[in-house]
């Protein structure tokens, strides 16, 4: 399945809405988008997972890398609206303690 990445700017926050699946094939697209945003702006980021169907370890690695880069700018990434299967993955890996995850 392909990945579509929607972006929405809202004051001092950029909302990223991945649509589809983030896996070994599509994670480079997500990485490129997140890196570009982090390099070009100094805002907090929200990843809205409402339409994110699946994410694998490659995708999680992309999120961790983006979090490290954005923390250097003293900003943060908040993850919202994730499906139960993805929330479970965040809980199992302990990433729910690294990222701000909101229902």
PDB file of N, CA and C in Angstrom:
ATOM      1  N   UNK A   1       0.842  -1.184   0.000  1.00  0.00           N
ATOM      2  CA  UNK A   1       0.000   0.000   0.000  1.00  0.00           C
ATOM      3  C   UNK A   1       0.885   1.244   0.000  1.00  0.00           C
ATOM      4  N   UNK A   2       0.467   2.222  -0.731  1.00  0.00           N
ATOM      5  CA  UNK A   2       1.223   3.467  -0.829  1.00  0.00           C
ATOM      6  C   UNK A   2       0.996   4.329   0.405  1.00  0.00           C
ATOM      7  N   UNK A   3       1.853   5.303   0.547  1.00  0.00           N
ATOM      8  CA  UNK A   3       1.748   6.251   1.654  1.00  0.00           C
ATOM      9  C   UNK A   3       1.542   7.641   1.074  1.00  0.00           C
ATOM     10  N   UNK A   4       0.552   8.322   1.607  1.00  0.00           N
ATOM     11  CA  UNK A   4       0.319   9.718   1.257  1.00  0.00           C
ATOM     12  C   UNK A   4       0.569  10.522   2.526  1.00  0.00           C
ATOM     13  N   UNK A   5       1.265  11.641   2.403  1.00  0.00           N
ATOM     14  CA  UNK A   5       1.581  12.458   3.571  1.00  0.00           C
ATOM     15  C   UNK A   5       0.977  13.848   3.368  1.00  0.00           C
ATOM     16  N   UNK A   6      -0.014  14.160   4.196  1.00  0.00           N
ATOM     17  CA  UNK A   6      -0.665  15.463   4.136  1.00  0.00           C
ATOM     18  C   UNK A   6      -0.044  16.364   5.194  1.00  0.00           C
ATOM     19  N   UNK A   7       0.104  17.653   4.871  1.00  0.00           N
ATOM     20  CA  UNK A   7       0.679  18.620   5.812  1.00  0.00           C
ATOM     21  C   UNK A   7      -0.308  19.761   6.017  1.00  0.00           C
ATOM     22  N   UNK A   8      -0.363  20.218   7.250  1.00  0.00           N
ATOM     23  CA  UNK A   8      -1.249  21.330   7.585  1.00  0.00           C
ATOM     24  C   UNK A   8      -0.519  22.217   8.590  1.00  0.00           C
ATOM     25  N   UNK A   9      -0.437  23.498   8.303  1.00  0.00           N
ATOM     26  CA  UNK A   9       0.213  24.426   9.233  1.00  0.00           C
ATOM     27  C   UNK A   9      -0.840  25.144  10.052  1.00  0.00           C
ATOM     28  N   UNK A  10      -0.567  25.233  11.364  1.00  0.00           N
ATOM     29  CA  UNK A  10      -1.521  25.846  12.268  1.00  0.00           C
ATOM     30  C   UNK A  10      -0.737  26.616  13.322  1.00  0.00           C
ATOM     31  N   UNK A  11      -0.575  27.908  13.151  1.00  0.00           N
ATOM     32  CA  UNK A  11       0.196  28.774  14.050  1.00  0.00           C
ATOM     33  C   UNK A  11       1.613  28.255  14.239  1.00  0.00           C
ATOM     34  N   UNK A  12       1.953  27.796  15.439  1.00  0.00           N
ATOM     35  CA  UNK A  12       3.319  27.342  15.693  1.00  0.00           C
ATOM     36  C   UNK A  12       3.427  25.815  15.679  1.00  0.00           C
ATOM     37  N   UNK A  13       2.487  25.158  14.982  1.00  0.00           N
ATOM     38  CA  UNK A  13       2.482  23.700  14.899  1.00  0.00           C
ATOM     39  C   UNK A  13       2.286  23.283  13.445  1.00  0.00           C
ATOM     40  N   UNK A  14       3.025  22.257  13.041  1.00  0.00           N
ATOM     41  CA  UNK A  14       2.786  21.639  11.737  1.00  0.00           C
ATOM     42  C   UNK A  14       2.188  20.267  11.997  1.00  0.00           C
ATOM     43  N   UNK A  15       1.051  19.994  11.372  1.00  0.00           N
ATOM     44  CA  UNK A  15       0.376  18.715  11.540  1.00  0.00           C
ATOM     45  C   UNK A  15       0.673  17.850  10.322  1.00  0.00           C
ATOM     46  N   UNK A  16       1.213  16.667  10.585  1.00  0.00           N
ATOM     47  CA  UNK A  16       1.521  15.698   9.537  1.00  0.00           C
ATOM     48  C   UNK A  16       0.475  14.599   9.628  1.00  0.00           C
ATOM     49  N   UNK A  17      -0.152  14.290   8.500  1.00  0.00           N
ATOM     50  CA  UNK A  17      -1.179  13.256   8.469  1.00  0.00           C
ATOM     51  C   UNK A  17      -0.775  12.167   7.475  1.00  0.00           C
ATOM     52  N   UNK A  18      -0.102  11.111   7.966  1.00  0.00           N
ATOM     53  CA  UNK A  18       0.224  10.012   7.064  1.00  0.00           C
ATOM     54  C   UNK A  18      -1.033   9.182   6.776  1.00  0.00           C
ATOM     55  N   UNK A  19      -1.238   8.865   5.505  1.00  0.00           N
ATOM     56  CA  UNK A  19      -2.394   8.082   5.090  1.00  0.00           C
ATOM     57  C   UNK A  19      -1.875   6.798   4.456  1.00  0.00           C
ATOM     58  N   UNK A  20      -2.204   5.669   5.077  1.00  0.00           N
ATOM     59  CA  UNK A  20      -1.759   4.386   4.539  1.00  0.00           C
ATOM     60  C   UNK A  20      -0.830   3.672   5.502  1.00  0.00           C
ATOM     61  N   UNK A  21       0.262   3.113   4.951  1.00  0.00           N
ATOM     62  CA  UNK A  21       1.187   2.312   5.744  1.00  0.00           C
ATOM     63  C   UNK A  21       2.605   2.866   5.676  1.00  0.00           C
ATOM     64  N   UNK A  22       3.287   2.862   6.822  1.00  0.00           N
ATOM     65  CA  UNK A  22       4.694   3.241   6.873  1.00  0.00           C
ATOM     66  C   UNK A  22       5.478   1.959   7.112  1.00  0.00           C
ATOM     67  N   UNK A  23       6.227   1.545   6.091  1.00  0.00           N
ATOM     68  CA  UNK A  23       7.024   0.327   6.195  1.00  0.00           C
ATOM     69  C   UNK A  23       8.374   0.555   5.530  1.00  0.00           C
ATOM     70  N   UNK A  24       9.108  -0.514   5.302  1.00  0.00           N
ATOM     71  CA  UNK A  24      10.459  -0.382   4.741  1.00  0.00           C
ATOM     72  C   UNK A  24      10.448   0.318   3.377  1.00  0.00           C
ATOM     73  N   UNK A  25       9.354   0.212   2.655  1.00  0.00           N
ATOM     74  CA  UNK A  25       9.269   0.812   1.320  1.00  0.00           C
ATOM     75  C   UNK A  25       8.842   2.282   1.356  1.00  0.00           C
ATOM     76  N   UNK A  26       7.997   2.633   2.319  1.00  0.00           N
ATOM     77  CA  UNK A  26       7.457   3.995   2.343  1.00  0.00           C
ATOM     78  C   UNK A  26       8.114   4.896   3.391  1.00  0.00           C
ATOM     79  N   UNK A  27       8.865   4.312   4.326  1.00  0.00           N
ATOM     80  CA  UNK A  27       9.473   5.138   5.378  1.00  0.00           C
ATOM     81  C   UNK A  27      10.460   6.187   4.853  1.00  0.00           C
ATOM     82  N   UNK A  28      11.184   5.938   3.740  1.00  0.00           N
ATOM     83  CA  UNK A  28      12.045   7.012   3.233  1.00  0.00           C
ATOM     84  C   UNK A  28      11.266   8.287   2.870  1.00  0.00           C
ATOM     85  N   UNK A  29      10.038   8.124   2.383  1.00  0.00           N
ATOM     86  CA  UNK A  29       9.209   9.294   2.058  1.00  0.00           C
ATOM     87  C   UNK A  29       8.856  10.076   3.318  1.00  0.00           C
ATOM     88  N   UNK A  30       8.495   9.341   4.369  1.00  0.00           N
ATOM     89  CA  UNK A  30       8.172  10.001   5.634  1.00  0.00           C
ATOM     90  C   UNK A  30       9.404  10.693   6.203  1.00  0.00           C
ATOM     91  N   UNK A  31      10.539  10.011   6.146  1.00  0.00           N
ATOM     92  CA  UNK A  31      11.783  10.588   6.665  1.00  0.00           C
ATOM     93  C   UNK A  31      12.127  11.881   5.937  1.00  0.00           C
ATOM     94  N   UNK A  32      11.993  11.872   4.623  1.00  0.00           N
ATOM     95  CA  UNK A  32      12.296  13.062   3.822  1.00  0.00           C
ATOM     96  C   UNK A  32      11.381  14.223   4.205  1.00  0.00           C
ATOM     97  N   UNK A  33      10.097  13.943   4.359  1.00  0.00           N
ATOM     98  CA  UNK A  33       9.135  14.984   4.720  1.00  0.00           C
ATOM     99  C   UNK A  33       9.438  15.564   6.098  1.00  0.00           C
ATOM    100  N   UNK A  34       9.651  14.684   7.085  1.00  0.00           N
ATOM    101  CA  UNK A  34       9.902  15.158   8.449  1.00  0.00           C
ATOM    102  C   UNK A  34      11.206  15.937   8.535  1.00  0.00           C
ATOM    103  N   UNK A  35      12.252  15.443   7.881  1.00  0.00           N
ATOM    104  CA  UNK A  35      13.544  16.119   7.897  1.00  0.00           C
ATOM    105  C   UNK A  35      13.448  17.504   7.264  1.00  0.00           C
ATOM    106  N   UNK A  36      12.749  17.586   6.159  1.00  0.00           N
ATOM    107  CA  UNK A  36      12.561  18.864   5.465  1.00  0.00           C
ATOM    108  C   UNK A  36      11.860  19.871   6.370  1.00  0.00           C
ATOM    109  N   UNK A  37      10.807  19.440   7.041  1.00  0.00           N
ATOM    110  CA  UNK A  37      10.062  20.336   7.930  1.00  0.00           C
ATOM    111  C   UNK A  37      10.939  20.792   9.092  1.00  0.00           C
ATOM    112  N   UNK A  38      11.650  19.855   9.707  1.00  0.00           N
ATOM    113  CA  UNK A  38      12.495  20.187  10.854  1.00  0.00           C
ATOM    114  C   UNK A  38      13.601  21.155  10.453  1.00  0.00           C
ATOM    115  N   UNK A  39      14.200  20.943   9.285  1.00  0.00           N
ATOM    116  CA  UNK A  39      15.289  21.803   8.825  1.00  0.00           C
ATOM    117  C   UNK A  39      14.809  23.200   8.429  1.00  0.00           C
ATOM    118  N   UNK A  40      13.582  23.314   7.934  1.00  0.00           N
ATOM    119  CA  UNK A  40      13.097  24.590   7.410  1.00  0.00           C
ATOM    120  C   UNK A  40      12.295  25.419   8.405  1.00  0.00           C
ATOM    121  N   UNK A  41      11.898  24.809   9.525  1.00  0.00           N
ATOM    122  CA  UNK A  41      11.070  25.577  10.462  1.00  0.00           C
ATOM    123  C   UNK A  41      11.451  25.257  11.896  1.00  0.00           C
ATOM    124  N   UNK A  42      10.978  26.068  12.781  1.00  0.00           N
ATOM    125  CA  UNK A  42      11.287  25.899  14.196  1.00  0.00           C
ATOM    126  C   UNK A  42       9.972  25.828  14.972  1.00  0.00           C
ATOM    127  N   UNK A  43       9.193  24.797  14.666  1.00  0.00           N
ATOM    128  CA  UNK A  43       7.877  24.648  15.269  1.00  0.00           C
ATOM    129  C   UNK A  43       7.718  23.238  15.845  1.00  0.00           C
ATOM    130  N   UNK A  44       6.732  23.090  16.704  1.00  0.00           N
ATOM    131  CA  UNK A  44       6.375  21.768  17.189  1.00  0.00           C
ATOM    132  C   UNK A  44       5.645  21.017  16.087  1.00  0.00           C
ATOM    133  N   UNK A  45       5.651  19.700  16.188  1.00  0.00           N
ATOM    134  CA  UNK A  45       5.048  18.877  15.161  1.00  0.00           C
ATOM    135  C   UNK A  45       4.030  17.941  15.800  1.00  0.00           C
ATOM    136  N   UNK A  46       2.904  17.777  15.123  1.00  0.00           N
ATOM    137  CA  UNK A  46       1.898  16.800  15.533  1.00  0.00           C
ATOM    138  C   UNK A  46       1.777  15.795  14.404  1.00  0.00           C
ATOM    139  N   UNK A  47       1.872  14.525  14.746  1.00  0.00           N
ATOM    140  CA  UNK A  47       1.627  13.477  13.764  1.00  0.00           C
ATOM    141  C   UNK A  47       0.256  12.898  14.074  1.00  0.00           C
ATOM    142  N   UNK A  48      -0.679  13.156  13.177  1.00  0.00           N
ATOM    143  CA  UNK A  48      -2.061  12.704  13.335  1.00  0.00           C
ATOM    144  C   UNK A  48      -2.182  11.333  12.677  1.00  0.00           C
ATOM    145  N   UNK A  49      -2.312  10.298  13.489  1.00  0.00           N
ATOM    146  CA  UNK A  49      -2.338   8.923  12.978  1.00  0.00           C
ATOM    147  C   UNK A  49      -3.714   8.397  12.657  1.00  0.00           C
ATOM    148  N   UNK A  50      -4.684   9.277  12.507  1.00  0.00           N
ATOM    149  CA  UNK A  50      -6.059   8.839  12.268  1.00  0.00           C
ATOM    150  C   UNK A  50      -6.173   7.918  11.046  1.00  0.00           C
ATOM    151  N   UNK A  51      -5.417   8.211   9.990  1.00  0.00           N
ATOM    152  CA  UNK A  51      -5.512   7.409   8.770  1.00  0.00           C
ATOM    153  C   UNK A  51      -4.268   6.552   8.537  1.00  0.00           C
ATOM    154  N   UNK A  52      -3.445   6.436   9.584  1.00  0.00           N
ATOM    155  CA  UNK A  52      -2.272   5.568   9.519  1.00  0.00           C
ATOM    156  C   UNK A  52      -2.724   4.160   9.867  1.00  0.00           C
ATOM    157  N   UNK A  53      -2.596   3.251   8.912  1.00  0.00           N
ATOM    158  CA  UNK A  53      -3.083   1.886   9.090  1.00  0.00           C
ATOM    159  C   UNK A  53      -2.052   0.972   9.736  1.00  0.00           C
ATOM    160  N   UNK A  54      -0.771   1.242   9.477  1.00  0.00           N
ATOM    161  CA  UNK A  54       0.285   0.317   9.908  1.00  0.00           C
ATOM    162  C   UNK A  54       1.612   1.054   9.951  1.00  0.00           C
ATOM    163  N   UNK A  55       2.460   0.678  10.911  1.00  0.00           N
ATOM    164  CA  UNK A  55       3.822   1.190  10.949  1.00  0.00           C
ATOM    165  C   UNK A  55       4.718   0.060  11.437  1.00  0.00           C
ATOM    166  N   UNK A  56       5.855  -0.127  10.785  1.00  0.00           N
ATOM    167  CA  UNK A  56       6.791  -1.177  11.208  1.00  0.00           C
ATOM    168  C   UNK A  56       8.001  -0.549  11.897  1.00  0.00           C
ATOM    169  N   UNK A  57       8.984  -1.377  12.211  1.00  0.00           N
ATOM    170  CA  UNK A  57      10.152  -0.894  12.946  1.00  0.00           C
ATOM    171  C   UNK A  57      10.930   0.159  12.157  1.00  0.00           C
ATOM    172  N   UNK A  58      10.912   0.068  10.843  1.00  0.00           N
ATOM    173  CA  UNK A  58      11.587   1.077  10.024  1.00  0.00           C
ATOM    174  C   UNK A  58      10.925   2.434  10.215  1.00  0.00           C
ATOM    175  N   UNK A  59       9.611   2.441  10.207  1.00  0.00           N
ATOM    176  CA  UNK A  59       8.855   3.677  10.427  1.00  0.00           C
ATOM    177  C   UNK A  59       9.062   4.232  11.820  1.00  0.00           C
ATOM    178  N   UNK A  60       9.122   3.343  12.815  1.00  0.00           N
ATOM    179  CA  UNK A  60       9.387   3.791  14.184  1.00  0.00           C
ATOM    180  C   UNK A  60      10.770   4.426  14.269  1.00  0.00           C
ATOM    181  N   UNK A  61      11.728   3.847  13.555  1.00  0.00           N
ATOM    182  CA  UNK A  61      13.081   4.412  13.521  1.00  0.00           C
ATOM    183  C   UNK A  61      13.093   5.812  12.938  1.00  0.00           C
ATOM    184  N   UNK A  62      12.286   6.032  11.912  1.00  0.00           N
ATOM    185  CA  UNK A  62      12.168   7.361  11.307  1.00  0.00           C
ATOM    186  C   UNK A  62      11.616   8.354  12.331  1.00  0.00           C
ATOM    187  N   UNK A  63      10.597   7.936  13.073  1.00  0.00           N
ATOM    188  CA  UNK A  63      10.014   8.821  14.089  1.00  0.00           C
ATOM    189  C   UNK A  63      11.024   9.151  15.185  1.00  0.00           C
ATOM    190  N   UNK A  64      11.788   8.152  15.617  1.00  0.00           N
ATOM    191  CA  UNK A  64      12.801   8.383  16.656  1.00  0.00           C
ATOM    192  C   UNK A  64      13.869   9.355  16.151  1.00  0.00           C
ATOM    193  N   UNK A  65      14.326   9.164  14.918  1.00  0.00           N
ATOM    194  CA  UNK A  65      15.323  10.074  14.331  1.00  0.00           C
ATOM    195  C   UNK A  65      14.801  11.499  14.241  1.00  0.00           C
ATOM    196  N   UNK A  66      13.537  11.629  13.842  1.00  0.00           N
ATOM    197  CA  UNK A  66      12.930  12.963  13.743  1.00  0.00           C
ATOM    198  C   UNK A  66      12.814  13.597  15.126  1.00  0.00           C
ATOM    199  N   UNK A  67      12.467  12.792  16.128  1.00  0.00           N
ATOM    200  CA  UNK A  67      12.346  13.316  17.487  1.00  0.00           C
ATOM    201  C   UNK A  67      13.694  13.834  17.987  1.00  0.00           C
ATOM    202  N   UNK A  68      14.756  13.101  17.717  1.00  0.00           N
ATOM    203  CA  UNK A  68      16.097  13.543  18.136  1.00  0.00           C
ATOM    204  C   UNK A  68      16.449  14.883  17.502  1.00  0.00           C
ATOM    205  N   UNK A  69      16.157  15.021  16.200  1.00  0.00           N
ATOM    206  CA  UNK A  69      16.479  16.270  15.494  1.00  0.00           C
ATOM    207  C   UNK A  69      15.654  17.446  15.997  1.00  0.00           C
ATOM    208  N   UNK A  70      14.379  17.198  16.228  1.00  0.00           N
ATOM    209  CA  UNK A  70      13.511  18.306  16.644  1.00  0.00           C
ATOM    210  C   UNK A  70      13.801  18.711  18.093  1.00  0.00           C
ATOM    211  N   UNK A  71      14.237  17.762  18.920  1.00  0.00           N
ATOM    212  CA  UNK A  71      14.607  18.073  20.316  1.00  0.00           C
ATOM    213  C   UNK A  71      15.829  18.995  20.355  1.00  0.00           C
ATOM    214  N   UNK A  72      16.714  18.879  19.359  1.00  0.00           N
ATOM    215  CA  UNK A  72      17.878  19.769  19.281  1.00  0.00           C
ATOM    216  C   UNK A  72      17.440  21.215  19.137  1.00  0.00           C
ATOM    217  N   UNK A  73      16.266  21.433  18.577  1.00  0.00           N
ATOM    218  CA  UNK A  73      15.710  22.788  18.423  1.00  0.00           C
ATOM    219  C   UNK A  73      14.776  23.131  19.584  1.00  0.00           C
ATOM    220  N   UNK A  74      14.798  22.288  20.617  1.00  0.00           N
ATOM    221  CA  UNK A  74      13.957  22.461  21.793  1.00  0.00           C
ATOM    222  C   UNK A  74      12.471  22.484  21.440  1.00  0.00           C
ATOM    223  N   UNK A  75      12.102  21.626  20.525  1.00  0.00           N
ATOM    224  CA  UNK A  75      10.711  21.444  20.107  1.00  0.00           C
ATOM    225  C   UNK A  75      10.318  19.991  20.362  1.00  0.00           C
ATOM    226  N   UNK A  76       9.072  19.646  20.069  1.00  0.00           N
ATOM    227  CA  UNK A  76       8.610  18.296  20.361  1.00  0.00           C
ATOM    228  C   UNK A  76       7.690  17.756  19.272  1.00  0.00           C
ATOM    229  N   UNK A  77       7.524  16.437  19.289  1.00  0.00           N
ATOM    230  CA  UNK A  77       6.583  15.758  18.399  1.00  0.00           C
ATOM    231  C   UNK A  77       5.505  15.133  19.279  1.00  0.00           C
ATOM    232  N   UNK A  78       4.264  15.418  18.952  1.00  0.00           N
ATOM    233  CA  UNK A  78       3.124  14.804  19.626  1.00  0.00           C
ATOM    234  C   UNK A  78       2.434  13.892  18.628  1.00  0.00           C
ATOM    235  N   UNK A  79       2.072  12.707  19.084  1.00  0.00           N
ATOM    236  CA  UNK A  79       1.392  11.746  18.213  1.00  0.00           C
ATOM    237  C   UNK A  79      -0.045  11.615  18.705  1.00  0.00           C
ATOM    238  N   UNK A  80      -0.993  11.787  17.781  1.00  0.00           N
ATOM    239  CA  UNK A  80      -2.407  11.756  18.155  1.00  0.00           C
ATOM    240  C   UNK A  80      -3.181  10.783  17.282  1.00  0.00           C
ATOM    241  N   UNK A  81      -4.353  10.408  17.770  1.00  0.00           N
ATOM    242  CA  UNK A  81      -5.344   9.637  16.996  1.00  0.00           C
ATOM    243  C   UNK A  81      -4.811   8.330  16.412  1.00  0.00           C
ATOM    244  N   UNK A  82      -3.960   7.612  17.148  1.00  0.00           N
ATOM    245  CA  UNK A  82      -3.458   6.358  16.584  1.00  0.00           C
ATOM    246  C   UNK A  82      -4.425   5.211  16.881  1.00  0.00           C
ATOM    247  N   UNK A  83      -4.456   4.280  15.970  1.00  0.00           N
ATOM    248  CA  UNK A  83      -5.331   3.114  16.091  1.00  0.00           C
ATOM    249  C   UNK A  83      -4.815   2.189  17.202  1.00  0.00           C
ATOM    250  N   UNK A  84      -5.683   1.358  17.752  1.00  0.00           N
ATOM    251  CA  UNK A  84      -5.284   0.473  18.854  1.00  0.00           C
ATOM    252  C   UNK A  84      -4.069  -0.412  18.549  1.00  0.00           C
ATOM    253  N   UNK A  85      -3.960  -0.930  17.317  1.00  0.00           N
ATOM    254  CA  UNK A  85      -2.818  -1.785  16.981  1.00  0.00           C
ATOM    255  C   UNK A  85      -1.499  -1.009  17.005  1.00  0.00           C
ATOM    256  N   UNK A  86      -1.533   0.249  16.625  1.00  0.00           N
ATOM    257  CA  UNK A  86      -0.322   1.083  16.639  1.00  0.00           C
ATOM    258  C   UNK A  86      -0.024   1.535  18.065  1.00  0.00           C
ATOM    259  N   UNK A  87      -1.066   1.850  18.830  1.00  0.00           N
ATOM    260  CA  UNK A  87      -0.872   2.216  20.232  1.00  0.00           C
ATOM    261  C   UNK A  87      -0.222   1.065  20.988  1.00  0.00           C
ATOM    262  N   UNK A  88      -0.663  -0.149  20.714  1.00  0.00           N
ATOM    263  CA  UNK A  88      -0.091  -1.331  21.358  1.00  0.00           C
ATOM    264  C   UNK A  88       1.393  -1.449  21.034  1.00  0.00           C
ATOM    265  N   UNK A  89       1.763  -1.170  19.795  1.00  0.00           N
ATOM    266  CA  UNK A  89       3.164  -1.207  19.381  1.00  0.00           C
ATOM    267  C   UNK A  89       3.984  -0.166  20.150  1.00  0.00           C
ATOM    268  N   UNK A  90       3.442   1.018  20.311  1.00  0.00           N
ATOM    269  CA  UNK A  90       4.119   2.070  21.095  1.00  0.00           C
ATOM    270  C   UNK A  90       4.270   1.636  22.557  1.00  0.00           C
ATOM    271  N   UNK A  91       3.235   0.987  23.098  1.00  0.00           N
ATOM    272  CA  UNK A  91       3.295   0.519  24.488  1.00  0.00           C
ATOM    273  C   UNK A  91       4.347  -0.575  24.656  1.00  0.00           C
ATOM    274  N   UNK A  92       4.350  -1.553  23.754  1.00  0.00           N
ATOM    275  CA  UNK A  92       5.286  -2.685  23.841  1.00  0.00           C
ATOM    276  C   UNK A  92       6.735  -2.215  23.730  1.00  0.00           C
ATOM    277  N   UNK A  93       6.990  -1.278  22.826  1.00  0.00           N
ATOM    278  CA  UNK A  93       8.364  -0.806  22.594  1.00  0.00           C
ATOM    279  C   UNK A  93       8.809   0.258  23.598  1.00  0.00           C
ATOM    280  N   UNK A  94       7.868   0.763  24.392  1.00  0.00           N
ATOM    281  CA  UNK A  94       8.201   1.812  25.353  1.00  0.00           C
ATOM    282  C   UNK A  94       8.237   3.201  24.739  1.00  0.00           C
ATOM    283  N   UNK A  95       7.887   3.304  23.464  1.00  0.00           N
ATOM    284  CA  UNK A  95       7.910   4.609  22.800  1.00  0.00           C
ATOM    285  C   UNK A  95       6.807   5.533  23.312  1.00  0.00           C
ATOM    286  N   UNK A  96       5.819   4.963  24.009  1.00  0.00           N
ATOM    287  CA  UNK A  96       4.793   5.808  24.614  1.00  0.00           C
ATOM    288  C   UNK A  96       5.372   6.650  25.754  1.00  0.00           C
ATOM    289  N   UNK A  97       6.572   6.294  26.213  1.00  0.00           N
ATOM    290  CA  UNK A  97       7.246   7.084  27.239  1.00  0.00           C
ATOM    291  C   UNK A  97       8.237   8.089  26.624  1.00  0.00           C
ATOM    292  N   UNK A  98       8.557   7.904  25.360  1.00  0.00           N
ATOM    293  CA  UNK A  98       9.492   8.781  24.653  1.00  0.00           C
ATOM    294  C   UNK A  98       8.732   9.897  23.936  1.00  0.00           C
ATOM    295  N   UNK A  99       7.632   9.541  23.300  1.00  0.00           N
ATOM    296  CA  UNK A  99       6.806  10.498  22.580  1.00  0.00           C
ATOM    297  C   UNK A  99       5.634  10.916  23.455  1.00  0.00           C
ATOM    298  N   UNK A 100       5.096  12.099  23.175  1.00  0.00           N
ATOM    299  CA  UNK A 100       3.836  12.513  23.778  1.00  0.00           C
ATOM    300  C   UNK A 100       2.752  11.888  22.903  1.00  0.00           C
ATOM    301  N   UNK A 101       2.036  10.920  23.458  1.00  0.00           N
ATOM    302  CA  UNK A 101       0.983  10.228  22.706  1.00  0.00           C
ATOM    303  C   UNK A 101      -0.362  10.610  23.315  1.00  0.00           C
ATOM    304  N   UNK A 102      -1.219  11.205  22.493  1.00  0.00           N
ATOM    305  CA  UNK A 102      -2.543  11.633  22.959  1.00  0.00           C
ATOM    306  C   UNK A 102      -3.618  10.865  22.206  1.00  0.00           C
ATOM    307  N   UNK A 103      -4.689  10.594  22.900  1.00  0.00           N
ATOM    308  CA  UNK A 103      -5.821   9.860  22.299  1.00  0.00           C
ATOM    309  C   UNK A 103      -6.533  10.736  21.293  1.00  0.00           C
TER     310      UNK A 103
END
